[in-house]
Amino acid sequence: MGRVQVLPPVLTHGDAQARSALVLGGVLIGVAAWLVLARHHRWAGASALGASAALVFGSVRATASHDRVLQFLDSVTDRAFDGAILPAIAVAMRHTDMAVSALAVVAAGLSFVAAYVRTKGKALGYEVRDSLALRAARYVAIGIGLLVHGLFGALIVAIAISAFTAIDNSRQVTSQPA
């Protein structure tokens, strides 16, 4: 008889602490998105801040590692944060605060553009550095915005960070020889 594995084999090697932190961050992202949709914004903010801490810890470890699977998991959880929480905010706020709903859509779009430019640049062989401090600031802004019911300002901050990141990633690619 075979052994039942709880985690897929791809998640069972490498830095166990980083892997666990990123998986925990992913779970907390899902919880935060669900809590936003259930209109429990304070609890969603607490979950998003917990996810932020786990993701930043995991990202620091993944960046220092040469494990490509761990670096991929880091990238996936970064996209999951924006891809789950921001659309949940947009959907939950669409009838009560259209401005916040629209800003959440813009923030999600810009963060995906920034990630696309970074990923495409790396795929084409360019060196594109990612700022963990800016990523952490984006996570924390959204978490605090949910926690204190200040989503308008938090989303403006997230949009500014994502726009800066997209522009900086583009600058890094275009400044290198082809």
N, C-alpha and C. Protein backbone atom coordinates (compact mmCIF):
# COMPACT_ATOMS: atom_id res chain seq x y z
N MET A 1 0.83 -1.18 0.00
CA MET A 1 0.00 0.00 0.00
C MET A 1 0.87 1.24 0.00
N GLY A 2 0.37 2.28 -0.66
CA GLY A 2 1.09 3.54 -0.74
C GLY A 2 0.82 4.42 0.47
N ARG A 3 1.64 5.38 0.59
CA ARG A 3 1.53 6.34 1.68
C ARG A 3 0.69 7.52 1.21
N VAL A 4 -0.16 8.02 2.07
CA VAL A 4 -0.97 9.19 1.74
C VAL A 4 -0.17 10.44 2.13
N GLN A 5 0.03 11.33 1.15
CA GLN A 5 0.77 12.56 1.42
C GLN A 5 -0.21 13.71 1.55
N VAL A 6 -0.05 14.47 2.61
CA VAL A 6 -0.91 15.61 2.85
C VAL A 6 -0.57 16.74 1.88
N LEU A 7 0.71 17.01 1.69
CA LEU A 7 1.17 18.05 0.77
C LEU A 7 1.67 17.41 -0.51
N PRO A 8 1.49 18.08 -1.65
CA PRO A 8 2.07 17.55 -2.88
C PRO A 8 3.59 17.46 -2.76
N PRO A 9 4.22 16.53 -3.49
CA PRO A 9 5.67 16.35 -3.37
C PRO A 9 6.47 17.62 -3.63
N VAL A 10 5.97 18.50 -4.48
CA VAL A 10 6.71 19.71 -4.80
C VAL A 10 6.85 20.64 -3.58
N LEU A 11 5.98 20.49 -2.59
CA LEU A 11 6.03 21.33 -1.40
C LEU A 11 6.74 20.67 -0.22
N THR A 12 7.35 19.52 -0.44
CA THR A 12 7.94 18.80 0.68
C THR A 12 9.46 18.84 0.72
N HIS A 13 10.08 19.67 -0.11
CA HIS A 13 11.54 19.79 -0.04
C HIS A 13 11.92 21.26 0.12
N GLY A 14 13.19 21.50 0.36
CA GLY A 14 13.65 22.88 0.51
C GLY A 14 13.53 23.36 1.95
N ASP A 15 13.53 24.67 2.11
CA ASP A 15 13.48 25.32 3.42
C ASP A 15 12.10 25.13 4.04
N ALA A 16 12.02 24.28 5.05
CA ALA A 16 10.73 23.93 5.65
C ALA A 16 10.07 25.14 6.31
N GLN A 17 10.84 26.01 6.94
CA GLN A 17 10.25 27.18 7.61
C GLN A 17 9.66 28.15 6.59
N ALA A 18 10.37 28.40 5.52
CA ALA A 18 9.87 29.30 4.48
C ALA A 18 8.64 28.71 3.82
N ARG A 19 8.70 27.43 3.52
CA ARG A 19 7.57 26.75 2.90
C ARG A 19 6.34 26.80 3.81
N SER A 20 6.54 26.54 5.08
CA SER A 20 5.42 26.58 6.03
C SER A 20 4.86 27.99 6.16
N ALA A 21 5.74 28.98 6.20
CA ALA A 21 5.28 30.37 6.31
C ALA A 21 4.46 30.77 5.09
N LEU A 22 4.93 30.39 3.90
CA LEU A 22 4.20 30.75 2.68
C LEU A 22 2.86 30.02 2.60
N VAL A 23 2.83 28.76 3.01
CA VAL A 23 1.56 28.02 3.01
C VAL A 23 0.60 28.63 4.04
N LEU A 24 1.10 28.95 5.23
CA LEU A 24 0.27 29.61 6.23
C LEU A 24 -0.24 30.95 5.72
N GLY A 25 0.64 31.72 5.07
CA GLY A 25 0.22 32.98 4.48
C GLY A 25 -0.90 32.78 3.47
N GLY A 26 -0.77 31.74 2.64
CA GLY A 26 -1.82 31.43 1.67
C GLY A 26 -3.14 31.10 2.32
N VAL A 27 -3.10 30.33 3.38
CA VAL A 27 -4.33 30.00 4.11
C VAL A 27 -4.96 31.26 4.70
N LEU A 28 -4.13 32.11 5.31
CA LEU A 28 -4.65 33.35 5.90
C LEU A 28 -5.19 34.31 4.84
N ILE A 29 -4.63 34.28 3.65
CA ILE A 29 -5.17 35.08 2.55
C ILE A 29 -6.59 34.62 2.23
N GLY A 30 -6.78 33.32 2.13
CA GLY A 30 -8.11 32.78 1.88
C GLY A 30 -9.09 33.13 2.97
N VAL A 31 -8.65 33.05 4.21
CA VAL A 31 -9.51 33.42 5.34
C VAL A 31 -9.86 34.90 5.28
N ALA A 32 -8.88 35.74 4.98
CA ALA A 32 -9.13 37.19 4.89
C ALA A 32 -10.13 37.49 3.78
N ALA A 33 -9.97 36.87 2.63
CA ALA A 33 -10.90 37.10 1.52
C ALA A 33 -12.31 36.68 1.91
N TRP A 34 -12.42 35.54 2.56
CA TRP A 34 -13.74 35.08 2.99
C TRP A 34 -14.34 36.04 4.01
N LEU A 35 -13.54 36.51 4.95
CA LEU A 35 -14.04 37.44 5.96
C LEU A 35 -14.45 38.78 5.34
N VAL A 36 -13.74 39.23 4.31
CA VAL A 36 -14.16 40.46 3.61
C VAL A 36 -15.54 40.24 3.00
N LEU A 37 -15.71 39.12 2.33
CA LEU A 37 -17.00 38.84 1.70
C LEU A 37 -18.11 38.66 2.72
N ALA A 38 -17.76 38.18 3.90
CA ALA A 38 -18.74 38.02 4.99
C ALA A 38 -18.95 39.32 5.76
N ARG A 39 -18.25 40.38 5.33
CA ARG A 39 -18.35 41.72 5.91
C ARG A 39 -17.84 41.81 7.35
N HIS A 40 -16.83 41.05 7.64
CA HIS A 40 -16.14 41.13 8.93
C HIS A 40 -14.77 41.75 8.67
N HIS A 41 -14.77 43.05 8.37
CA HIS A 41 -13.55 43.70 7.89
C HIS A 41 -12.44 43.74 8.93
N ARG A 42 -12.79 43.92 10.19
CA ARG A 42 -11.73 43.94 11.21
C ARG A 42 -11.02 42.60 11.31
N TRP A 43 -11.79 41.53 11.34
CA TRP A 43 -11.18 40.20 11.39
C TRP A 43 -10.42 39.92 10.11
N ALA A 44 -10.94 40.41 8.99
CA ALA A 44 -10.23 40.25 7.71
C ALA A 44 -8.90 41.00 7.76
N GLY A 45 -8.91 42.19 8.36
CA GLY A 45 -7.67 42.96 8.50
C GLY A 45 -6.65 42.22 9.35
N ALA A 46 -7.12 41.63 10.44
CA ALA A 46 -6.21 40.86 11.30
C ALA A 46 -5.64 39.67 10.54
N SER A 47 -6.48 38.99 9.78
CA SER A 47 -6.01 37.85 8.99
C SER A 47 -5.05 38.30 7.90
N ALA A 48 -5.34 39.43 7.25
CA ALA A 48 -4.45 39.95 6.21
C ALA A 48 -3.10 40.36 6.80
N LEU A 49 -3.13 40.94 7.99
CA LEU A 49 -1.86 41.30 8.64
C LEU A 49 -1.07 40.06 9.04
N GLY A 50 -1.77 39.02 9.49
CA GLY A 50 -1.09 37.75 9.78
C GLY A 50 -0.49 37.15 8.53
N ALA A 51 -1.25 37.21 7.43
CA ALA A 51 -0.73 36.73 6.15
C ALA A 51 0.49 37.56 5.73
N SER A 52 0.42 38.87 5.97
CA SER A 52 1.54 39.75 5.63
C SER A 52 2.81 39.31 6.34
N ALA A 53 2.70 39.08 7.64
CA ALA A 53 3.87 38.67 8.42
C ALA A 53 4.42 37.34 7.90
N ALA A 54 3.54 36.38 7.65
CA ALA A 54 3.99 35.07 7.16
C ALA A 54 4.61 35.19 5.77
N LEU A 55 3.99 35.99 4.91
CA LEU A 55 4.51 36.12 3.54
C LEU A 55 5.85 36.85 3.52
N VAL A 56 6.00 37.86 4.34
CA VAL A 56 7.28 38.59 4.37
C VAL A 56 8.38 37.67 4.89
N PHE A 57 8.11 36.92 5.96
CA PHE A 57 9.09 35.98 6.48
C PHE A 57 9.45 34.95 5.41
N GLY A 58 8.43 34.36 4.79
CA GLY A 58 8.67 33.37 3.75
C GLY A 58 9.40 33.95 2.55
N SER A 59 9.08 35.19 2.19
CA SER A 59 9.72 35.84 1.05
C SER A 59 11.19 36.10 1.30
N VAL A 60 11.51 36.54 2.51
CA VAL A 60 12.92 36.78 2.85
C VAL A 60 13.70 35.48 2.74
N ARG A 61 13.13 34.41 3.25
CA ARG A 61 13.81 33.11 3.19
C ARG A 61 13.89 32.59 1.75
N ALA A 62 12.81 32.78 0.98
CA ALA A 62 12.78 32.30 -0.41
C ALA A 62 13.77 33.06 -1.27
N THR A 63 13.90 34.36 -1.03
CA THR A 63 14.82 35.18 -1.81
C THR A 63 16.26 34.76 -1.55
N ALA A 64 16.57 34.38 -0.32
CA ALA A 64 17.93 33.96 0.03
C ALA A 64 18.22 32.54 -0.44
N SER A 65 17.19 31.81 -0.79
CA SER A 65 17.35 30.42 -1.21
C SER A 65 17.59 30.32 -2.72
N HIS A 66 18.22 29.24 -3.12
CA HIS A 66 18.39 28.97 -4.54
C HIS A 66 17.35 27.95 -5.02
N ASP A 67 16.41 27.64 -4.16
CA ASP A 67 15.35 26.69 -4.49
C ASP A 67 14.31 27.38 -5.37
N ARG A 68 14.25 27.00 -6.63
CA ARG A 68 13.34 27.65 -7.57
C ARG A 68 11.88 27.36 -7.25
N VAL A 69 11.59 26.19 -6.71
CA VAL A 69 10.21 25.87 -6.34
C VAL A 69 9.76 26.79 -5.22
N LEU A 70 10.61 27.03 -4.26
CA LEU A 70 10.29 27.94 -3.16
C LEU A 70 10.11 29.37 -3.67
N GLN A 71 10.95 29.79 -4.59
CA GLN A 71 10.80 31.12 -5.18
C GLN A 71 9.50 31.23 -5.97
N PHE A 72 9.11 30.16 -6.64
CA PHE A 72 7.84 30.13 -7.37
C PHE A 72 6.67 30.22 -6.39
N LEU A 73 6.74 29.48 -5.29
CA LEU A 73 5.69 29.53 -4.28
C LEU A 73 5.58 30.93 -3.70
N ASP A 74 6.71 31.59 -3.50
CA ASP A 74 6.72 32.98 -3.04
C ASP A 74 5.98 33.88 -4.03
N SER A 75 6.27 33.72 -5.30
CA SER A 75 5.61 34.53 -6.33
C SER A 75 4.11 34.25 -6.38
N VAL A 76 3.73 32.99 -6.25
CA VAL A 76 2.31 32.62 -6.29
C VAL A 76 1.57 33.22 -5.10
N THR A 77 2.15 33.15 -3.92
CA THR A 77 1.45 33.70 -2.76
C THR A 77 1.37 35.22 -2.82
N ASP A 78 2.36 35.87 -3.42
CA ASP A 78 2.28 37.32 -3.62
C ASP A 78 1.10 37.66 -4.51
N ARG A 79 0.96 36.93 -5.62
CA ARG A 79 -0.17 37.16 -6.52
C ARG A 79 -1.49 36.80 -5.85
N ALA A 80 -1.47 35.76 -5.00
CA ALA A 80 -2.70 35.34 -4.32
C ALA A 80 -3.21 36.42 -3.38
N PHE A 81 -2.29 37.13 -2.73
CA PHE A 81 -2.71 38.20 -1.82
C PHE A 81 -3.56 39.22 -2.57
N ASP A 82 -3.02 39.70 -3.69
CA ASP A 82 -3.76 40.70 -4.47
C ASP A 82 -4.93 40.08 -5.21
N GLY A 83 -4.77 38.86 -5.67
CA GLY A 83 -5.81 38.22 -6.47
C GLY A 83 -7.00 37.72 -5.68
N ALA A 84 -6.87 37.61 -4.38
CA ALA A 84 -7.99 37.15 -3.55
C ALA A 84 -8.60 38.29 -2.74
N ILE A 85 -7.77 39.05 -2.07
CA ILE A 85 -8.29 40.06 -1.16
C ILE A 85 -8.84 41.28 -1.89
N LEU A 86 -8.12 41.79 -2.89
CA LEU A 86 -8.60 42.99 -3.59
C LEU A 86 -9.91 42.76 -4.34
N PRO A 87 -10.07 41.66 -5.09
CA PRO A 87 -11.38 41.43 -5.70
C PRO A 87 -12.50 41.21 -4.67
N ALA A 88 -12.15 40.60 -3.54
CA ALA A 88 -13.16 40.43 -2.48
C ALA A 88 -13.62 41.79 -1.96
N ILE A 89 -12.68 42.72 -1.81
CA ILE A 89 -13.04 44.08 -1.39
C ILE A 89 -13.93 44.73 -2.46
N ALA A 90 -13.55 44.58 -3.72
CA ALA A 90 -14.33 45.17 -4.81
C ALA A 90 -15.77 44.64 -4.82
N VAL A 91 -15.92 43.35 -4.64
CA VAL A 91 -17.26 42.74 -4.66
C VAL A 91 -18.04 43.13 -3.41
N ALA A 92 -17.40 43.08 -2.26
CA ALA A 92 -18.11 43.37 -1.01
C ALA A 92 -18.54 44.83 -0.91
N MET A 93 -17.79 45.73 -1.51
CA MET A 93 -18.07 47.16 -1.37
C MET A 93 -18.80 47.75 -2.58
N ARG A 94 -19.16 46.95 -3.55
CA ARG A 94 -19.71 47.48 -4.80
C ARG A 94 -21.03 48.22 -4.62
N HIS A 95 -21.81 47.91 -3.61
CA HIS A 95 -23.08 48.59 -3.39
C HIS A 95 -22.99 49.68 -2.32
N THR A 96 -22.03 49.56 -1.42
CA THR A 96 -21.96 50.51 -0.31
C THR A 96 -20.94 51.62 -0.52
N ASP A 97 -19.86 51.33 -1.24
CA ASP A 97 -18.83 52.35 -1.48
C ASP A 97 -18.19 52.09 -2.84
N MET A 98 -18.78 52.71 -3.86
CA MET A 98 -18.32 52.48 -5.24
C MET A 98 -16.88 52.93 -5.45
N ALA A 99 -16.46 54.00 -4.77
CA ALA A 99 -15.09 54.49 -4.93
C ALA A 99 -14.09 53.45 -4.43
N VAL A 100 -14.35 52.88 -3.28
CA VAL A 100 -13.46 51.85 -2.73
C VAL A 100 -13.47 50.62 -3.64
N SER A 101 -14.63 50.26 -4.14
CA SER A 101 -14.73 49.12 -5.04
C SER A 101 -13.89 49.35 -6.30
N ALA A 102 -14.00 50.54 -6.88
CA ALA A 102 -13.23 50.86 -8.08
C ALA A 102 -11.74 50.90 -7.78
N LEU A 103 -11.36 51.48 -6.65
CA LEU A 103 -9.94 51.52 -6.29
C LEU A 103 -9.38 50.12 -6.08
N ALA A 104 -10.17 49.21 -5.54
CA ALA A 104 -9.71 47.84 -5.35
C ALA A 104 -9.44 47.17 -6.70
N VAL A 105 -10.29 47.44 -7.69
CA VAL A 105 -10.07 46.89 -9.03
C VAL A 105 -8.79 47.46 -9.64
N VAL A 106 -8.60 48.78 -9.50
CA VAL A 106 -7.40 49.42 -10.04
C VAL A 106 -6.15 48.88 -9.34
N ALA A 107 -6.21 48.74 -8.02
CA ALA A 107 -5.05 48.23 -7.27
C ALA A 107 -4.71 46.81 -7.71
N ALA A 108 -5.71 45.98 -7.91
CA ALA A 108 -5.46 44.61 -8.37
C ALA A 108 -4.83 44.63 -9.76
N GLY A 109 -5.39 45.43 -10.64
CA GLY A 109 -4.85 45.51 -12.00
C GLY A 109 -3.41 45.98 -12.05
N LEU A 110 -3.12 47.04 -11.31
CA LEU A 110 -1.75 47.57 -11.30
C LEU A 110 -0.76 46.59 -10.68
N SER A 111 -1.17 45.90 -9.64
CA SER A 111 -0.25 44.94 -9.03
C SER A 111 0.05 43.79 -9.99
N PHE A 112 -0.94 43.40 -10.78
CA PHE A 112 -0.70 42.34 -11.76
C PHE A 112 0.15 42.83 -12.92
N VAL A 113 0.00 44.10 -13.31
CA VAL A 113 0.87 44.66 -14.35
C VAL A 113 2.31 44.68 -13.86
N ALA A 114 2.53 45.11 -12.63
CA ALA A 114 3.89 45.15 -12.07
C ALA A 114 4.49 43.74 -12.03
N ALA A 115 3.70 42.76 -11.62
CA ALA A 115 4.20 41.39 -11.57
C ALA A 115 4.48 40.86 -12.98
N TYR A 116 3.63 41.23 -13.93
CA TYR A 116 3.84 40.78 -15.31
C TYR A 116 5.14 41.34 -15.87
N VAL A 117 5.37 42.63 -15.67
CA VAL A 117 6.59 43.25 -16.19
C VAL A 117 7.82 42.58 -15.57
N ARG A 118 7.78 42.34 -14.26
CA ARG A 118 8.91 41.69 -13.59
C ARG A 118 9.12 40.28 -14.14
N THR A 119 8.07 39.51 -14.26
CA THR A 119 8.17 38.13 -14.71
C THR A 119 8.60 38.05 -16.17
N LYS A 120 8.02 38.88 -17.00
CA LYS A 120 8.38 38.88 -18.42
C LYS A 120 9.84 39.30 -18.60
N GLY A 121 10.26 40.31 -17.84
CA GLY A 121 11.65 40.74 -17.91
C GLY A 121 12.60 39.63 -17.52
N LYS A 122 12.29 38.92 -16.43
CA LYS A 122 13.14 37.81 -16.00
C LYS A 122 13.14 36.70 -17.04
N ALA A 123 11.98 36.42 -17.62
CA ALA A 123 11.88 35.36 -18.63
C ALA A 123 12.71 35.69 -19.87
N LEU A 124 12.85 36.97 -20.17
CA LEU A 124 13.65 37.39 -21.32
C LEU A 124 15.14 37.53 -20.99
N GLY A 125 15.50 37.22 -19.75
CA GLY A 125 16.90 37.22 -19.37
C GLY A 125 17.40 38.50 -18.72
N TYR A 126 16.51 39.43 -18.42
CA TYR A 126 16.92 40.66 -17.77
C TYR A 126 16.92 40.45 -16.26
N GLU A 127 17.77 41.20 -15.59
CA GLU A 127 17.79 41.16 -14.13
C GLU A 127 16.79 42.20 -13.61
N VAL A 128 15.75 41.73 -12.93
CA VAL A 128 14.73 42.61 -12.38
C VAL A 128 14.63 42.29 -10.89
N ARG A 129 14.98 43.26 -10.07
CA ARG A 129 14.94 43.09 -8.62
C ARG A 129 13.56 43.48 -8.09
N ASP A 130 13.11 42.71 -7.14
CA ASP A 130 11.82 42.97 -6.50
C ASP A 130 12.08 43.50 -5.10
N SER A 131 11.37 44.54 -4.71
CA SER A 131 11.55 45.12 -3.39
C SER A 131 10.59 44.46 -2.39
N LEU A 132 11.17 43.73 -1.46
CA LEU A 132 10.34 43.11 -0.43
C LEU A 132 9.73 44.16 0.49
N ALA A 133 10.42 45.28 0.67
CA ALA A 133 9.88 46.36 1.51
C ALA A 133 8.62 46.95 0.89
N LEU A 134 8.63 47.16 -0.42
CA LEU A 134 7.43 47.69 -1.08
C LEU A 134 6.30 46.67 -1.05
N ARG A 135 6.65 45.41 -1.23
CA ARG A 135 5.63 44.36 -1.17
C ARG A 135 5.01 44.32 0.23
N ALA A 136 5.84 44.38 1.25
CA ALA A 136 5.35 44.36 2.62
C ALA A 136 4.48 45.59 2.90
N ALA A 137 4.90 46.74 2.39
CA ALA A 137 4.11 47.97 2.61
C ALA A 137 2.74 47.85 1.96
N ARG A 138 2.67 47.23 0.80
CA ARG A 138 1.38 47.02 0.14
C ARG A 138 0.49 46.09 0.96
N TYR A 139 1.06 45.01 1.45
CA TYR A 139 0.30 44.07 2.28
C TYR A 139 -0.23 44.77 3.53
N VAL A 140 0.67 45.46 4.22
CA VAL A 140 0.31 46.09 5.49
C VAL A 140 -0.72 47.19 5.29
N ALA A 141 -0.59 47.97 4.22
CA ALA A 141 -1.57 49.03 3.96
C ALA A 141 -2.97 48.45 3.81
N ILE A 142 -3.10 47.38 3.07
CA ILE A 142 -4.41 46.76 2.88
C ILE A 142 -4.92 46.16 4.18
N GLY A 143 -4.03 45.48 4.92
CA GLY A 143 -4.44 44.89 6.20
C GLY A 143 -4.90 45.94 7.19
N ILE A 144 -4.14 47.04 7.31
CA ILE A 144 -4.53 48.11 8.24
C ILE A 144 -5.80 48.80 7.77
N GLY A 145 -5.92 48.99 6.45
CA GLY A 145 -7.14 49.59 5.92
C GLY A 145 -8.37 48.79 6.28
N LEU A 146 -8.27 47.47 6.21
CA LEU A 146 -9.39 46.62 6.61
C LEU A 146 -9.62 46.70 8.12
N LEU A 147 -8.54 46.69 8.86
CA LEU A 147 -8.63 46.67 10.32
C LEU A 147 -9.29 47.93 10.88
N VAL A 148 -8.96 49.08 10.32
CA VAL A 148 -9.46 50.34 10.89
C VAL A 148 -10.55 50.99 10.02
N HIS A 149 -11.08 50.23 9.06
CA HIS A 149 -12.11 50.74 8.15
C HIS A 149 -11.63 51.98 7.40
N GLY A 150 -10.41 51.94 6.94
CA GLY A 150 -9.84 53.03 6.18
C GLY A 150 -9.38 52.55 4.81
N LEU A 151 -10.26 51.85 4.11
CA LEU A 151 -9.88 51.24 2.85
C LEU A 151 -9.56 52.25 1.75
N PHE A 152 -10.22 53.39 1.73
CA PHE A 152 -9.97 54.37 0.67
C PHE A 152 -8.50 54.77 0.67
N GLY A 153 -8.01 55.20 1.81
CA GLY A 153 -6.61 55.61 1.91
C GLY A 153 -5.66 54.45 1.69
N ALA A 154 -6.00 53.28 2.22
CA ALA A 154 -5.14 52.11 2.07
C ALA A 154 -5.01 51.71 0.61
N LEU A 155 -6.10 51.80 -0.12
CA LEU A 155 -6.06 51.43 -1.53
C LEU A 155 -5.31 52.46 -2.36
N ILE A 156 -5.40 53.73 -1.98
CA ILE A 156 -4.59 54.76 -2.65
C ILE A 156 -3.10 54.44 -2.46
N VAL A 157 -2.73 54.07 -1.25
CA VAL A 157 -1.33 53.70 -0.97
C VAL A 157 -0.94 52.47 -1.78
N ALA A 158 -1.81 51.46 -1.82
CA ALA A 158 -1.52 50.24 -2.59
C ALA A 158 -1.37 50.55 -4.08
N ILE A 159 -2.21 51.45 -4.60
CA ILE A 159 -2.12 51.84 -6.01
C ILE A 159 -0.81 52.56 -6.27
N ALA A 160 -0.45 53.48 -5.39
CA ALA A 160 0.81 54.22 -5.56
C ALA A 160 2.00 53.27 -5.53
N ILE A 161 2.01 52.32 -4.61
CA ILE A 161 3.11 51.35 -4.52
C ILE A 161 3.16 50.48 -5.77
N SER A 162 2.00 49.99 -6.22
CA SER A 162 1.98 49.14 -7.41
C SER A 162 2.39 49.90 -8.66
N ALA A 163 1.95 51.15 -8.79
CA ALA A 163 2.33 51.97 -9.95
C ALA A 163 3.84 52.22 -9.94
N PHE A 164 4.38 52.56 -8.76
CA PHE A 164 5.82 52.77 -8.66
C PHE A 164 6.58 51.50 -9.02
N THR A 165 6.10 50.35 -8.52
CA THR A 165 6.76 49.08 -8.80
C THR A 165 6.73 48.76 -10.29
N ALA A 166 5.59 48.97 -10.94
CA ALA A 166 5.48 48.71 -12.37
C ALA A 166 6.44 49.60 -13.16
N ILE A 167 6.49 50.87 -12.80
CA ILE A 167 7.39 51.80 -13.49
C ILE A 167 8.85 51.43 -13.23
N ASP A 168 9.17 51.09 -11.98
CA ASP A 168 10.55 50.72 -11.64
C ASP A 168 10.96 49.43 -12.36
N ASN A 169 10.07 48.45 -12.40
CA ASN A 169 10.38 47.21 -13.12
C ASN A 169 10.63 47.49 -14.60
N SER A 170 9.81 48.34 -15.20
CA SER A 170 10.01 48.71 -16.61
C SER A 170 11.33 49.43 -16.80
N ARG A 171 11.66 50.33 -15.88
CA ARG A 171 12.92 51.05 -15.95
C ARG A 171 14.10 50.10 -15.86
N GLN A 172 14.01 49.10 -14.98
CA GLN A 172 15.10 48.14 -14.83
C GLN A 172 15.33 47.37 -16.13
N VAL A 173 14.24 47.00 -16.80
CA VAL A 173 14.37 46.24 -18.05
C VAL A 173 14.94 47.13 -19.15
N THR A 174 14.40 48.33 -19.29
CA THR A 174 14.83 49.18 -20.40
C THR A 174 16.24 49.76 -20.21
N SER A 175 16.74 49.78 -19.00
CA SER A 175 18.08 50.32 -18.77
C SER A 175 19.19 49.31 -19.07
N GLN A 176 18.82 48.06 -19.31
CA GLN A 176 19.81 47.01 -19.59
C GLN A 176 19.95 46.81 -21.10
N PRO A 177 21.15 46.45 -21.54
CA PRO A 177 21.33 46.20 -22.98
C PRO A 177 20.50 44.99 -23.42
N ALA A 178 20.05 45.04 -24.63
CA ALA A 178 19.19 43.97 -25.18
C ALA A 178 19.93 42.70 -25.45
